[in-house]
């Protein structure tokens, strides 16, 4: 009687799994932009994005927590995008130095001075200062990343029925084409005590949806 022999794992499959494991290991030593460790509940999602060639720069597993003596809810998210160049506009450094000098501050202090910052943006808009080629290239690349992740989300939801408020969607961030992949329902500004239990249930459903998409991305990468 012939016995079943499983097919040996291909070199490509081994290499992909090794990359996955190595990326996961690296994240154990990485802090987010707030210098905090990546949330354990979103770490595998971050790995799935990175190995799928979607560069990430921020993430959150989602929380219901106390801040400033009130309860708030933060939905899970992954922030995607390439690093911006140092200058968005042509001649930006010189413009900032000129504006800062008028206000008796340094260029580095400009963003912390409301009047100086307003004067800077007034100048940018009035003079119609063009953006640098490097900035435009980064924006175009980020917009392509958004287009690709949108296609993947559409495939993920082809045969998946979920409530609209936990469905994953894309939210754009800033002028350089960065974006978040997050759930559809906006965070409430404050959660009253009577709604805490419902918020916890909502958050759990959102986290499960992120995990499902993570497994979809992982399977897509490893296949």
C-alpha atoms as a PDB file:
ATOM      1  CA  UNK A   1       0.000   0.000   0.000  1.00  0.00           C
ATOM      2  CA  UNK A   2       1.391   3.355  -1.051  1.00  0.00           C
ATOM      3  CA  UNK A   3       1.848   5.783   1.813  1.00  0.00           C
ATOM      4  CA  UNK A   4       1.355   9.534   1.492  1.00  0.00           C
ATOM      5  CA  UNK A   5       4.547  11.529   1.547  1.00  0.00           C
ATOM      6  CA  UNK A   6       4.178  15.275   2.109  1.00  0.00           C
ATOM      7  CA  UNK A   7       5.921  17.447  -0.438  1.00  0.00           C
ATOM      8  CA  UNK A   8       9.157  18.925   0.849  1.00  0.00           C
ATOM      9  CA  UNK A   9       8.971  22.628   1.586  1.00  0.00           C
ATOM     10  CA  UNK A  10      10.359  24.647  -1.308  1.00  0.00           C
ATOM     11  CA  UNK A  11      13.363  26.926  -0.895  1.00  0.00           C
ATOM     12  CA  UNK A  12      11.149  29.909  -1.679  1.00  0.00           C
ATOM     13  CA  UNK A  13       8.725  28.977   1.108  1.00  0.00           C
ATOM     14  CA  UNK A  14      11.610  28.546   3.544  1.00  0.00           C
ATOM     15  CA  UNK A  15      13.046  31.928   2.565  1.00  0.00           C
ATOM     16  CA  UNK A  16       9.686  33.638   3.034  1.00  0.00           C
ATOM     17  CA  UNK A  17       9.176  32.077   6.439  1.00  0.00           C
ATOM     18  CA  UNK A  18      12.720  33.054   7.424  1.00  0.00           C
ATOM     19  CA  UNK A  19      12.039  36.653   6.365  1.00  0.00           C
ATOM     20  CA  UNK A  20       8.826  36.662   8.376  1.00  0.00           C
ATOM     21  CA  UNK A  21      10.603  35.347  11.482  1.00  0.00           C
ATOM     22  CA  UNK A  22      13.523  37.765  11.083  1.00  0.00           C
ATOM     23  CA  UNK A  23      11.186  40.742  10.706  1.00  0.00           C
ATOM     24  CA  UNK A  24       9.256  39.703  13.810  1.00  0.00           C
ATOM     25  CA  UNK A  25      12.513  39.406  15.744  1.00  0.00           C
ATOM     26  CA  UNK A  26      13.641  42.872  14.618  1.00  0.00           C
ATOM     27  CA  UNK A  27      10.403  44.430  15.844  1.00  0.00           C
ATOM     28  CA  UNK A  28      11.173  43.224  19.349  1.00  0.00           C
ATOM     29  CA  UNK A  29      13.961  45.826  19.370  1.00  0.00           C
ATOM     30  CA  UNK A  30      12.052  48.630  17.649  1.00  0.00           C
ATOM     31  CA  UNK A  31      10.221  51.555  19.275  1.00  0.00           C
ATOM     32  CA  UNK A  32       7.493  53.627  17.661  1.00  0.00           C
ATOM     33  CA  UNK A  33       7.750  57.378  17.054  1.00  0.00           C
ATOM     34  CA  UNK A  34       6.730  57.956  20.699  1.00  0.00           C
ATOM     35  CA  UNK A  35       9.716  55.807  21.741  1.00  0.00           C
ATOM     36  CA  UNK A  36       7.433  53.064  23.036  1.00  0.00           C
ATOM     37  CA  UNK A  37       7.542  49.356  22.138  1.00  0.00           C
ATOM     38  CA  UNK A  38       5.142  48.279  19.407  1.00  0.00           C
ATOM     39  CA  UNK A  39       1.888  47.016  20.933  1.00  0.00           C
ATOM     40  CA  UNK A  40       1.963  43.224  21.198  1.00  0.00           C
ATOM     41  CA  UNK A  41      -1.524  42.966  19.707  1.00  0.00           C
ATOM     42  CA  UNK A  42      -0.535  44.727  16.470  1.00  0.00           C
ATOM     43  CA  UNK A  43       3.027  43.406  16.048  1.00  0.00           C
ATOM     44  CA  UNK A  44       2.124  40.563  13.685  1.00  0.00           C
ATOM     45  CA  UNK A  45       0.115  43.016  11.581  1.00  0.00           C
ATOM     46  CA  UNK A  46       3.145  45.291  11.299  1.00  0.00           C
ATOM     47  CA  UNK A  47       5.218  42.299  10.157  1.00  0.00           C
ATOM     48  CA  UNK A  48       2.595  41.387   7.549  1.00  0.00           C
ATOM     49  CA  UNK A  49       2.692  44.921   6.127  1.00  0.00           C
ATOM     50  CA  UNK A  50       6.490  45.149   6.084  1.00  0.00           C
ATOM     51  CA  UNK A  51       7.095  41.803   4.354  1.00  0.00           C
ATOM     52  CA  UNK A  52       4.354  42.736   1.871  1.00  0.00           C
ATOM     53  CA  UNK A  53       6.457  45.826   1.030  1.00  0.00           C
ATOM     54  CA  UNK A  54       4.250  48.376   2.756  1.00  0.00           C
ATOM     55  CA  UNK A  55       6.608  50.481   4.927  1.00  0.00           C
ATOM     56  CA  UNK A  56       5.071  51.360   8.288  1.00  0.00           C
ATOM     57  CA  UNK A  57       5.902  54.197  10.660  1.00  0.00           C
ATOM     58  CA  UNK A  58       3.213  53.951  13.340  1.00  0.00           C
ATOM     59  CA  UNK A  59       0.692  51.527  14.798  1.00  0.00           C
ATOM     60  CA  UNK A  60      -1.729  50.918  17.654  1.00  0.00           C
ATOM     61  CA  UNK A  61      -3.541  47.769  18.760  1.00  0.00           C
ATOM     62  CA  UNK A  62      -6.463  49.860  20.019  1.00  0.00           C
ATOM     63  CA  UNK A  63      -7.276  50.830  23.594  1.00  0.00           C
ATOM     64  CA  UNK A  64      -9.998  52.006  25.911  1.00  0.00           C
ATOM     65  CA  UNK A  65      -8.131  54.041  28.506  1.00  0.00           C
ATOM     66  CA  UNK A  66      -8.178  57.007  30.850  1.00  0.00           C
ATOM     67  CA  UNK A  67      -6.672  60.307  29.695  1.00  0.00           C
ATOM     68  CA  UNK A  68      -7.060  63.684  31.368  1.00  0.00           C
ATOM     69  CA  UNK A  69      -9.703  62.300  33.745  1.00  0.00           C
ATOM     70  CA  UNK A  70     -11.926  60.939  30.997  1.00  0.00           C
ATOM     71  CA  UNK A  71     -12.320  57.626  29.183  1.00  0.00           C
ATOM     72  CA  UNK A  72     -11.383  57.510  25.512  1.00  0.00           C
ATOM     73  CA  UNK A  73     -11.338  54.814  22.847  1.00  0.00           C
ATOM     74  CA  UNK A  74      -8.564  54.417  20.275  1.00  0.00           C
ATOM     75  CA  UNK A  75      -9.245  52.125  17.327  1.00  0.00           C
ATOM     76  CA  UNK A  76      -6.468  49.893  15.956  1.00  0.00           C
ATOM     77  CA  UNK A  77      -4.451  51.195  13.021  1.00  0.00           C
ATOM     78  CA  UNK A  78      -1.326  50.837  10.908  1.00  0.00           C
ATOM     79  CA  UNK A  79       0.310  53.930   9.399  1.00  0.00           C
ATOM     80  CA  UNK A  80       1.947  53.440   6.006  1.00  0.00           C
ATOM     81  CA  UNK A  81       4.292  55.596   3.971  1.00  0.00           C
ATOM     82  CA  UNK A  82       7.853  56.316   2.951  1.00  0.00           C
ATOM     83  CA  UNK A  83       9.952  58.831   4.880  1.00  0.00           C
ATOM     84  CA  UNK A  84       9.470  62.413   3.738  1.00  0.00           C
ATOM     85  CA  UNK A  85      12.473  64.338   2.410  1.00  0.00           C
ATOM     86  CA  UNK A  86      13.809  67.035   4.730  1.00  0.00           C
ATOM     87  CA  UNK A  87      12.358  69.827   2.602  1.00  0.00           C
ATOM     88  CA  UNK A  88       8.865  69.922   1.107  1.00  0.00           C
ATOM     89  CA  UNK A  89       9.304  73.210  -0.743  1.00  0.00           C
ATOM     90  CA  UNK A  90      12.076  74.556  -2.950  1.00  0.00           C
ATOM     91  CA  UNK A  91      14.197  76.944  -0.888  1.00  0.00           C
ATOM     92  CA  UNK A  92      12.355  75.959   2.299  1.00  0.00           C
ATOM     93  CA  UNK A  93      15.363  76.351   4.611  1.00  0.00           C
ATOM     94  CA  UNK A  94      16.116  79.855   3.371  1.00  0.00           C
ATOM     95  CA  UNK A  95      12.461  80.905   3.629  1.00  0.00           C
ATOM     96  CA  UNK A  96      12.241  79.635   7.207  1.00  0.00           C
ATOM     97  CA  UNK A  97      15.449  81.421   8.179  1.00  0.00           C
ATOM     98  CA  UNK A  98      14.163  84.680   6.674  1.00  0.00           C
ATOM     99  CA  UNK A  99      10.780  84.459   8.445  1.00  0.00           C
ATOM    100  CA  UNK A 100      12.391  83.385  11.726  1.00  0.00           C
ATOM    101  CA  UNK A 101      14.794  86.336  11.643  1.00  0.00           C
ATOM    102  CA  UNK A 102      11.838  88.726  11.351  1.00  0.00           C
ATOM    103  CA  UNK A 103      10.459  87.299  14.594  1.00  0.00           C
ATOM    104  CA  UNK A 104      13.805  87.136  16.384  1.00  0.00           C
ATOM    105  CA  UNK A 105      13.846  83.364  16.629  1.00  0.00           C
ATOM    106  CA  UNK A 106      15.771  80.517  15.013  1.00  0.00           C
ATOM    107  CA  UNK A 107      14.415  78.472  12.125  1.00  0.00           C
ATOM    108  CA  UNK A 108      14.172  75.485  14.474  1.00  0.00           C
ATOM    109  CA  UNK A 109      11.828  77.481  16.753  1.00  0.00           C
ATOM    110  CA  UNK A 110       9.501  78.578  13.952  1.00  0.00           C
ATOM    111  CA  UNK A 111       6.960  75.763  14.347  1.00  0.00           C
ATOM    112  CA  UNK A 112       6.546  76.605  18.040  1.00  0.00           C
ATOM    113  CA  UNK A 113       5.746  80.253  17.302  1.00  0.00           C
ATOM    114  CA  UNK A 114       2.168  80.620  16.028  1.00  0.00           C
ATOM    115  CA  UNK A 115       2.648  84.036  14.438  1.00  0.00           C
ATOM    116  CA  UNK A 116       5.892  83.057  12.697  1.00  0.00           C
ATOM    117  CA  UNK A 117       4.416  79.815  11.441  1.00  0.00           C
ATOM    118  CA  UNK A 118       1.385  81.657  10.036  1.00  0.00           C
ATOM    119  CA  UNK A 119       3.720  84.111   8.293  1.00  0.00           C
ATOM    120  CA  UNK A 120       5.661  81.202   6.827  1.00  0.00           C
ATOM    121  CA  UNK A 121       2.558  79.537   5.378  1.00  0.00           C
ATOM    122  CA  UNK A 122       1.220  82.882   4.133  1.00  0.00           C
ATOM    123  CA  UNK A 123       4.469  83.344   2.218  1.00  0.00           C
ATOM    124  CA  UNK A 124       4.342  79.793   0.805  1.00  0.00           C
ATOM    125  CA  UNK A 125       0.779  80.286  -0.455  1.00  0.00           C
ATOM    126  CA  UNK A 126       1.131  83.879  -1.664  1.00  0.00           C
ATOM    127  CA  UNK A 127       4.332  83.144  -3.582  1.00  0.00           C
ATOM    128  CA  UNK A 128       3.018  79.769  -4.770  1.00  0.00           C
ATOM    129  CA  UNK A 129       6.320  78.127  -3.800  1.00  0.00           C
ATOM    130  CA  UNK A 130       6.648  74.809  -5.673  1.00  0.00           C
ATOM    131  CA  UNK A 131       7.264  71.502  -3.930  1.00  0.00           C
ATOM    132  CA  UNK A 132      10.592  69.762  -4.435  1.00  0.00           C
ATOM    133  CA  UNK A 133      10.958  66.939  -6.920  1.00  0.00           C
ATOM    134  CA  UNK A 134      11.920  64.595  -4.067  1.00  0.00           C
ATOM    135  CA  UNK A 135       8.713  65.416  -2.180  1.00  0.00           C
ATOM    136  CA  UNK A 136       6.569  64.899  -5.275  1.00  0.00           C
ATOM    137  CA  UNK A 137       8.240  61.542  -5.898  1.00  0.00           C
ATOM    138  CA  UNK A 138       7.567  60.386  -2.325  1.00  0.00           C
ATOM    139  CA  UNK A 139       3.928  61.455  -2.617  1.00  0.00           C
ATOM    140  CA  UNK A 140       3.536  59.550  -5.893  1.00  0.00           C
ATOM    141  CA  UNK A 141       5.072  56.414  -4.367  1.00  0.00           C
ATOM    142  CA  UNK A 142       2.832  56.656  -1.309  1.00  0.00           C
ATOM    143  CA  UNK A 143      -0.222  57.101  -3.517  1.00  0.00           C
ATOM    144  CA  UNK A 144       0.773  53.926  -5.361  1.00  0.00           C
ATOM    145  CA  UNK A 145       1.081  52.100  -2.027  1.00  0.00           C
ATOM    146  CA  UNK A 146      -2.420  53.288  -1.157  1.00  0.00           C
ATOM    147  CA  UNK A 147      -3.756  52.054  -4.492  1.00  0.00           C
ATOM    148  CA  UNK A 148      -2.188  48.626  -3.926  1.00  0.00           C
ATOM    149  CA  UNK A 149      -3.474  48.219  -0.367  1.00  0.00           C
ATOM    150  CA  UNK A 150      -6.932  49.296  -1.549  1.00  0.00           C
ATOM    151  CA  UNK A 151      -6.868  46.487  -4.112  1.00  0.00           C
ATOM    152  CA  UNK A 152      -5.866  43.996  -1.415  1.00  0.00           C
ATOM    153  CA  UNK A 153      -8.663  45.206   0.870  1.00  0.00           C
ATOM    154  CA  UNK A 154     -11.178  44.806  -1.949  1.00  0.00           C
ATOM    155  CA  UNK A 155     -10.023  41.220  -2.468  1.00  0.00           C
ATOM    156  CA  UNK A 156     -10.184  40.553   1.280  1.00  0.00           C
ATOM    157  CA  UNK A 157     -13.790  41.745   1.435  1.00  0.00           C
ATOM    158  CA  UNK A 158     -15.031  40.042  -1.736  1.00  0.00           C
ATOM    159  CA  UNK A 159     -16.584  37.150   0.177  1.00  0.00           C
ATOM    160  CA  UNK A 160     -16.496  38.563   3.702  1.00  0.00           C
ATOM    161  CA  UNK A 161     -19.565  39.979   5.375  1.00  0.00           C
ATOM    162  CA  UNK A 162     -18.921  42.205   8.385  1.00  0.00           C
ATOM    163  CA  UNK A 163     -20.531  45.201  10.016  1.00  0.00           C
ATOM    164  CA  UNK A 164     -19.614  48.433   8.239  1.00  0.00           C
ATOM    165  CA  UNK A 165     -18.320  50.019  11.447  1.00  0.00           C
ATOM    166  CA  UNK A 166     -15.554  47.429  11.894  1.00  0.00           C
ATOM    167  CA  UNK A 167     -14.650  47.192   8.217  1.00  0.00           C
ATOM    168  CA  UNK A 168     -11.074  48.219   7.448  1.00  0.00           C
ATOM    169  CA  UNK A 169     -10.661  51.360   5.433  1.00  0.00           C
ATOM    170  CA  UNK A 170      -8.005  53.884   4.421  1.00  0.00           C
ATOM    171  CA  UNK A 171      -7.621  57.325   6.003  1.00  0.00           C
ATOM    172  CA  UNK A 172      -5.169  59.743   4.398  1.00  0.00           C
ATOM    173  CA  UNK A 173      -2.693  61.643   6.571  1.00  0.00           C
ATOM    174  CA  UNK A 174      -0.919  64.840   5.578  1.00  0.00           C
ATOM    175  CA  UNK A 175       0.344  66.178   2.249  1.00  0.00           C
ATOM    176  CA  UNK A 176       2.923  63.470   1.432  1.00  0.00           C
ATOM    177  CA  UNK A 177       0.447  60.692   0.718  1.00  0.00           C
ATOM    178  CA  UNK A 178       0.792  58.830   4.029  1.00  0.00           C
ATOM    179  CA  UNK A 179      -2.254  56.892   5.178  1.00  0.00           C
ATOM    180  CA  UNK A 180      -3.733  54.733   7.904  1.00  0.00           C
ATOM    181  CA  UNK A 181      -5.390  51.378   7.520  1.00  0.00           C
ATOM    182  CA  UNK A 182      -7.956  51.383  10.311  1.00  0.00           C
ATOM    183  CA  UNK A 183     -11.545  50.550  11.119  1.00  0.00           C
ATOM    184  CA  UNK A 184     -14.356  52.679   9.773  1.00  0.00           C
ATOM    185  CA  UNK A 185     -15.994  53.925  12.966  1.00  0.00           C
ATOM    186  CA  UNK A 186     -14.484  57.156  14.250  1.00  0.00           C
ATOM    187  CA  UNK A 187     -13.127  57.341  17.790  1.00  0.00           C
ATOM    188  CA  UNK A 188     -15.520  59.083  20.201  1.00  0.00           C
ATOM    189  CA  UNK A 189     -14.113  62.188  21.874  1.00  0.00           C
ATOM    190  CA  UNK A 190     -15.156  60.771  25.223  1.00  0.00           C
ATOM    191  CA  UNK A 191     -16.708  57.518  26.400  1.00  0.00           C
ATOM    192  CA  UNK A 192     -19.339  57.912  29.134  1.00  0.00           C
ATOM    193  CA  UNK A 193     -19.269  55.280  31.850  1.00  0.00           C
ATOM    194  CA  UNK A 194     -22.581  53.870  30.624  1.00  0.00           C
ATOM    195  CA  UNK A 195     -20.968  53.089  27.237  1.00  0.00           C
ATOM    196  CA  UNK A 196     -17.694  51.567  28.448  1.00  0.00           C
ATOM    197  CA  UNK A 197     -18.867  47.972  28.061  1.00  0.00           C
ATOM    198  CA  UNK A 198     -20.166  48.592  24.532  1.00  0.00           C
ATOM    199  CA  UNK A 199     -16.911  50.324  23.636  1.00  0.00           C
ATOM    200  CA  UNK A 200     -14.900  47.352  24.868  1.00  0.00           C
ATOM    201  CA  UNK A 201     -17.029  45.041  22.717  1.00  0.00           C
ATOM    202  CA  UNK A 202     -16.595  47.329  19.712  1.00  0.00           C
ATOM    203  CA  UNK A 203     -12.836  47.413  20.230  1.00  0.00           C
ATOM    204  CA  UNK A 204     -12.644  43.621  20.499  1.00  0.00           C
ATOM    205  CA  UNK A 205     -14.548  43.262  17.214  1.00  0.00           C
ATOM    206  CA  UNK A 206     -12.205  45.771  15.555  1.00  0.00           C
ATOM    207  CA  UNK A 207      -9.138  43.927  16.830  1.00  0.00           C
ATOM    208  CA  UNK A 208     -10.494  40.625  15.521  1.00  0.00           C
ATOM    209  CA  UNK A 209     -11.009  42.218  12.105  1.00  0.00           C
ATOM    210  CA  UNK A 210      -7.413  43.439  12.063  1.00  0.00           C
ATOM    211  CA  UNK A 211      -6.235  39.935  13.012  1.00  0.00           C
ATOM    212  CA  UNK A 212      -8.283  38.420  10.184  1.00  0.00           C
ATOM    213  CA  UNK A 213      -6.725  40.820   7.679  1.00  0.00           C
ATOM    214  CA  UNK A 214      -3.298  40.058   9.120  1.00  0.00           C
ATOM    215  CA  UNK A 215      -3.787  36.346   8.481  1.00  0.00           C
ATOM    216  CA  UNK A 216      -4.997  37.159   4.967  1.00  0.00           C
ATOM    217  CA  UNK A 217      -1.834  39.181   4.284  1.00  0.00           C
ATOM    218  CA  UNK A 218       0.340  36.488   5.854  1.00  0.00           C
ATOM    219  CA  UNK A 219      -1.213  33.747   3.736  1.00  0.00           C
ATOM    220  CA  UNK A 220      -0.849  35.915   0.639  1.00  0.00           C
ATOM    221  CA  UNK A 221       2.842  36.463   1.396  1.00  0.00           C
ATOM    222  CA  UNK A 222       3.716  32.873   2.297  1.00  0.00           C
ATOM    223  CA  UNK A 223       1.801  31.265  -0.568  1.00  0.00           C
END
